[in-house]
Amino acid sequence: MLGQTASAGFQIGVRRTFPISQEQAWALLISPVGLKLWLGDISDLKLEVGHPYTTKEGIFGELRVVKPLHQLRMTWQRKTWESPSTVQIRIIPNPKSAGKTVISFHQEKLKDGNERENMKRYWEEAAAKILGKINADM
């Protein structure tokens, strides 16, 4: 099936190029406004490995990798899910175009194809919200 792997269950990836620098992308993603765009309503996300988080929407997990300007990796689970997935966010400067950066969302360990499709929509909407915020600020 589409998106199914032998070792990581179902997975999805969404990548978009944004008209901002790598530094601006990182600053936006970890800001309170940015967190709300892709993670949900959360009062605090301490950028330390092992730090747990819970959003007001009921998404919860733990930070596993924090590489400032480059990567976040975390467990990610909805309260209705039986087990967590893993989300990785990468911030990749575009070497061919100064001032543009790719933000990549990758999620694995999803239960089935239906959950994969739901998360594909979620990350596409998150990317659209991020672009909307960037455009509003320009």
C-alpha atoms as a PDB file:
ATOM      1  CA  MET A   1       0.000   0.000   0.000  1.00  0.00           C
ATOM      2  CA  LEU A   2       1.016   3.590  -0.605  1.00  0.00           C
ATOM      3  CA  GLY A   3       3.134   4.928   2.256  1.00  0.00           C
ATOM      4  CA  GLN A   4       3.572   1.584   4.017  1.00  0.00           C
ATOM      5  CA  THR A   5       7.044   0.488   5.094  1.00  0.00           C
ATOM      6  CA  ALA A   6       8.276  -2.784   6.515  1.00  0.00           C
ATOM      7  CA  SER A   7       9.753  -1.245   9.655  1.00  0.00           C
ATOM      8  CA  ALA A   8       7.928   2.033  10.339  1.00  0.00           C
ATOM      9  CA  GLY A   9       4.294   1.283   9.536  1.00  0.00           C
ATOM     10  CA  PHE A  10       2.661   3.927   7.389  1.00  0.00           C
ATOM     11  CA  GLN A  11       4.438   7.213   6.756  1.00  0.00           C
ATOM     12  CA  ILE A  12       3.828  10.568   5.114  1.00  0.00           C
ATOM     13  CA  GLY A  13       6.041  13.428   4.054  1.00  0.00           C
ATOM     14  CA  VAL A  14       5.127  17.005   3.137  1.00  0.00           C
ATOM     15  CA  ARG A  15       7.758  19.506   1.946  1.00  0.00           C
ATOM     16  CA  ARG A  16       7.304  23.119   0.966  1.00  0.00           C
ATOM     17  CA  THR A  17       9.686  25.902  -0.006  1.00  0.00           C
ATOM     18  CA  PHE A  18       9.111  29.189   1.799  1.00  0.00           C
ATOM     19  CA  PRO A  19      10.406  32.669   0.904  1.00  0.00           C
ATOM     20  CA  ILE A  20      12.363  33.115   4.141  1.00  0.00           C
ATOM     21  CA  SER A  21      15.844  32.278   5.421  1.00  0.00           C
ATOM     22  CA  GLN A  22      16.663  29.198   7.461  1.00  0.00           C
ATOM     23  CA  GLU A  23      16.997  31.384  10.562  1.00  0.00           C
ATOM     24  CA  GLN A  24      13.593  32.984   9.975  1.00  0.00           C
ATOM     25  CA  ALA A  25      12.002  29.562   9.393  1.00  0.00           C
ATOM     26  CA  TRP A  26      13.401  28.193  12.661  1.00  0.00           C
ATOM     27  CA  ALA A  27      12.372  31.292  14.603  1.00  0.00           C
ATOM     28  CA  LEU A  28       8.833  31.065  13.214  1.00  0.00           C
ATOM     29  CA  LEU A  29       8.413  27.324  13.869  1.00  0.00           C
ATOM     30  CA  ILE A  30       9.442  27.558  17.528  1.00  0.00           C
ATOM     31  CA  SER A  31       7.630  30.822  18.297  1.00  0.00           C
ATOM     32  CA  PRO A  32       4.274  30.676  20.133  1.00  0.00           C
ATOM     33  CA  VAL A  33       2.507  31.793  16.936  1.00  0.00           C
ATOM     34  CA  GLY A  34       4.391  29.267  14.798  1.00  0.00           C
ATOM     35  CA  LEU A  35       3.845  26.380  17.204  1.00  0.00           C
ATOM     36  CA  LYS A  36       0.119  27.014  17.022  1.00  0.00           C
ATOM     37  CA  LEU A  37       0.283  26.711  13.203  1.00  0.00           C
ATOM     38  CA  TRP A  38       1.807  23.234  13.102  1.00  0.00           C
ATOM     39  CA  LEU A  39       1.577  21.691  16.584  1.00  0.00           C
ATOM     40  CA  GLY A  40      -1.466  23.250  18.197  1.00  0.00           C
ATOM     41  CA  ASP A  41      -2.308  25.491  21.106  1.00  0.00           C
ATOM     42  CA  ILE A  42       0.517  24.976  23.569  1.00  0.00           C
ATOM     43  CA  SER A  43       1.646  27.253  26.355  1.00  0.00           C
ATOM     44  CA  ASP A  44       5.275  26.114  26.409  1.00  0.00           C
ATOM     45  CA  LEU A  45       7.565  23.883  24.374  1.00  0.00           C
ATOM     46  CA  LYS A  46      10.914  23.583  26.092  1.00  0.00           C
ATOM     47  CA  LEU A  47      13.451  22.758  23.369  1.00  0.00           C
ATOM     48  CA  GLU A  48      15.247  20.029  25.293  1.00  0.00           C
ATOM     49  CA  VAL A  49      15.553  16.340  24.514  1.00  0.00           C
ATOM     50  CA  GLY A  50      13.186  14.384  26.761  1.00  0.00           C
ATOM     51  CA  HIS A  51      10.839  17.307  27.373  1.00  0.00           C
ATOM     52  CA  PRO A  52       7.175  16.191  27.244  1.00  0.00           C
ATOM     53  CA  TYR A  53       4.476  18.378  25.729  1.00  0.00           C
ATOM     54  CA  THR A  54       0.682  18.436  25.509  1.00  0.00           C
ATOM     55  CA  THR A  55      -1.434  20.754  23.388  1.00  0.00           C
ATOM     56  CA  LYS A  56      -4.898  21.990  24.300  1.00  0.00           C
ATOM     57  CA  GLU A  57      -6.188  19.893  21.370  1.00  0.00           C
ATOM     58  CA  GLY A  58      -4.897  16.751  23.098  1.00  0.00           C
ATOM     59  CA  ILE A  59      -1.775  16.073  21.026  1.00  0.00           C
ATOM     60  CA  PHE A  60       1.063  14.900  23.243  1.00  0.00           C
ATOM     61  CA  GLY A  61       4.541  13.497  23.059  1.00  0.00           C
ATOM     62  CA  GLU A  62       8.180  14.053  23.872  1.00  0.00           C
ATOM     63  CA  LEU A  63      11.050  15.799  22.116  1.00  0.00           C
ATOM     64  CA  ARG A  64      13.694  13.320  20.962  1.00  0.00           C
ATOM     65  CA  VAL A  65      16.074  15.426  18.830  1.00  0.00           C
ATOM     66  CA  VAL A  66      16.650  19.190  18.918  1.00  0.00           C
ATOM     67  CA  LYS A  67      19.166  20.611  16.439  1.00  0.00           C
ATOM     68  CA  PRO A  68      18.620  24.367  16.353  1.00  0.00           C
ATOM     69  CA  LEU A  69      18.118  25.768  12.842  1.00  0.00           C
ATOM     70  CA  HIS A  70      17.996  22.229  11.394  1.00  0.00           C
ATOM     71  CA  GLN A  71      15.752  19.617  12.979  1.00  0.00           C
ATOM     72  CA  LEU A  72      13.142  18.660  15.543  1.00  0.00           C
ATOM     73  CA  ARG A  73      12.140  15.044  16.105  1.00  0.00           C
ATOM     74  CA  MET A  74       9.421  14.059  18.540  1.00  0.00           C
ATOM     75  CA  THR A  75       6.860  11.472  19.398  1.00  0.00           C
ATOM     76  CA  TRP A  76       3.399  12.676  18.373  1.00  0.00           C
ATOM     77  CA  GLN A  77       0.134  11.150  19.507  1.00  0.00           C
ATOM     78  CA  ARG A  78      -3.507  12.101  19.517  1.00  0.00           C
ATOM     79  CA  LYS A  79      -5.434  11.169  22.667  1.00  0.00           C
ATOM     80  CA  THR A  80      -7.579   8.759  20.603  1.00  0.00           C
ATOM     81  CA  TRP A  81      -4.556   6.846  19.231  1.00  0.00           C
ATOM     82  CA  GLU A  82      -3.367   3.588  20.746  1.00  0.00           C
ATOM     83  CA  SER A  83       0.324   4.325  20.180  1.00  0.00           C
ATOM     84  CA  PRO A  84       2.564   7.270  19.253  1.00  0.00           C
ATOM     85  CA  SER A  85       3.941   8.149  15.859  1.00  0.00           C
ATOM     86  CA  THR A  86       7.204   9.960  15.199  1.00  0.00           C
ATOM     87  CA  VAL A  87       7.349  13.402  13.587  1.00  0.00           C
ATOM     88  CA  GLN A  88      10.506  14.899  12.170  1.00  0.00           C
ATOM     89  CA  ILE A  89      10.716  18.493  10.997  1.00  0.00           C
ATOM     90  CA  ARG A  90      13.708  19.577   8.958  1.00  0.00           C
ATOM     91  CA  ILE A  91      14.630  23.117   7.960  1.00  0.00           C
ATOM     92  CA  ILE A  92      16.727  23.000   4.796  1.00  0.00           C
ATOM     93  CA  PRO A  93      18.208  26.115   3.166  1.00  0.00           C
ATOM     94  CA  ASN A  94      17.728  26.177  -0.597  1.00  0.00           C
ATOM     95  CA  PRO A  95      21.265  26.259  -2.068  1.00  0.00           C
ATOM     96  CA  LYS A  96      19.958  27.362  -5.474  1.00  0.00           C
ATOM     97  CA  SER A  97      17.924  30.279  -4.234  1.00  0.00           C
ATOM     98  CA  ALA A  98      19.137  32.574  -1.459  1.00  0.00           C
ATOM     99  CA  GLY A  99      16.449  33.568   1.013  1.00  0.00           C
ATOM    100  CA  LYS A 100      14.350  30.438   0.448  1.00  0.00           C
ATOM    101  CA  THR A 101      14.059  27.500   2.798  1.00  0.00           C
ATOM    102  CA  VAL A 102      12.410  24.098   2.625  1.00  0.00           C
ATOM    103  CA  ILE A 103      10.437  22.967   5.662  1.00  0.00           C
ATOM    104  CA  SER A 104       9.895  19.225   5.633  1.00  0.00           C
ATOM    105  CA  PHE A 105       7.389  17.370   7.814  1.00  0.00           C
ATOM    106  CA  HIS A 106       7.820  13.598   7.961  1.00  0.00           C
ATOM    107  CA  GLN A 107       5.652  11.342  10.097  1.00  0.00           C
ATOM    108  CA  GLU A 108       6.039   7.591  10.542  1.00  0.00           C
ATOM    109  CA  LYS A 109       4.617   4.780  12.645  1.00  0.00           C
ATOM    110  CA  LEU A 110       1.077   5.609  11.565  1.00  0.00           C
ATOM    111  CA  LYS A 111      -1.502   2.875  12.106  1.00  0.00           C
ATOM    112  CA  ASP A 112      -2.984   2.509   8.625  1.00  0.00           C
ATOM    113  CA  GLY A 113      -3.694   4.153   5.270  1.00  0.00           C
ATOM    114  CA  ASN A 114      -6.611   6.133   6.666  1.00  0.00           C
ATOM    115  CA  GLU A 115      -4.495   7.639   9.433  1.00  0.00           C
ATOM    116  CA  ARG A 116      -1.817   8.373   6.804  1.00  0.00           C
ATOM    117  CA  GLU A 117      -4.314  10.310   4.663  1.00  0.00           C
ATOM    118  CA  ASN A 118      -5.573  12.251   7.683  1.00  0.00           C
ATOM    119  CA  MET A 119      -2.030  13.245   8.620  1.00  0.00           C
ATOM    120  CA  LYS A 120      -1.190  14.144   5.028  1.00  0.00           C
ATOM    121  CA  ARG A 121      -4.044  16.661   5.116  1.00  0.00           C
ATOM    122  CA  TYR A 122      -2.940  17.883   8.538  1.00  0.00           C
ATOM    123  CA  TRP A 123       0.643  18.613   7.396  1.00  0.00           C
ATOM    124  CA  GLU A 124      -0.493  20.161   4.101  1.00  0.00           C
ATOM    125  CA  GLU A 125      -2.796  22.473   6.072  1.00  0.00           C
ATOM    126  CA  ALA A 126       0.030  23.284   8.502  1.00  0.00           C
ATOM    127  CA  ALA A 127       2.306  24.214   5.586  1.00  0.00           C
ATOM    128  CA  ALA A 128      -0.451  26.404   4.109  1.00  0.00           C
ATOM    129  CA  LYS A 129      -0.932  28.155   7.477  1.00  0.00           C
ATOM    130  CA  ILE A 130       2.807  28.797   7.726  1.00  0.00           C
ATOM    131  CA  LEU A 131       2.848  30.295   4.231  1.00  0.00           C
ATOM    132  CA  GLY A 132      -0.188  32.414   5.090  1.00  0.00           C
ATOM    133  CA  LYS A 133       1.589  33.766   8.180  1.00  0.00           C
ATOM    134  CA  ILE A 134       4.742  34.538   6.182  1.00  0.00           C
ATOM    135  CA  ASN A 135       2.729  36.313   3.468  1.00  0.00           C
ATOM    136  CA  ALA A 136       0.778  38.307   6.064  1.00  0.00           C
ATOM    137  CA  ASP A 137       4.040  39.494   7.630  1.00  0.00           C
ATOM    138  CA  MET A 138       5.613  40.601   4.343  1.00  0.00           C
END
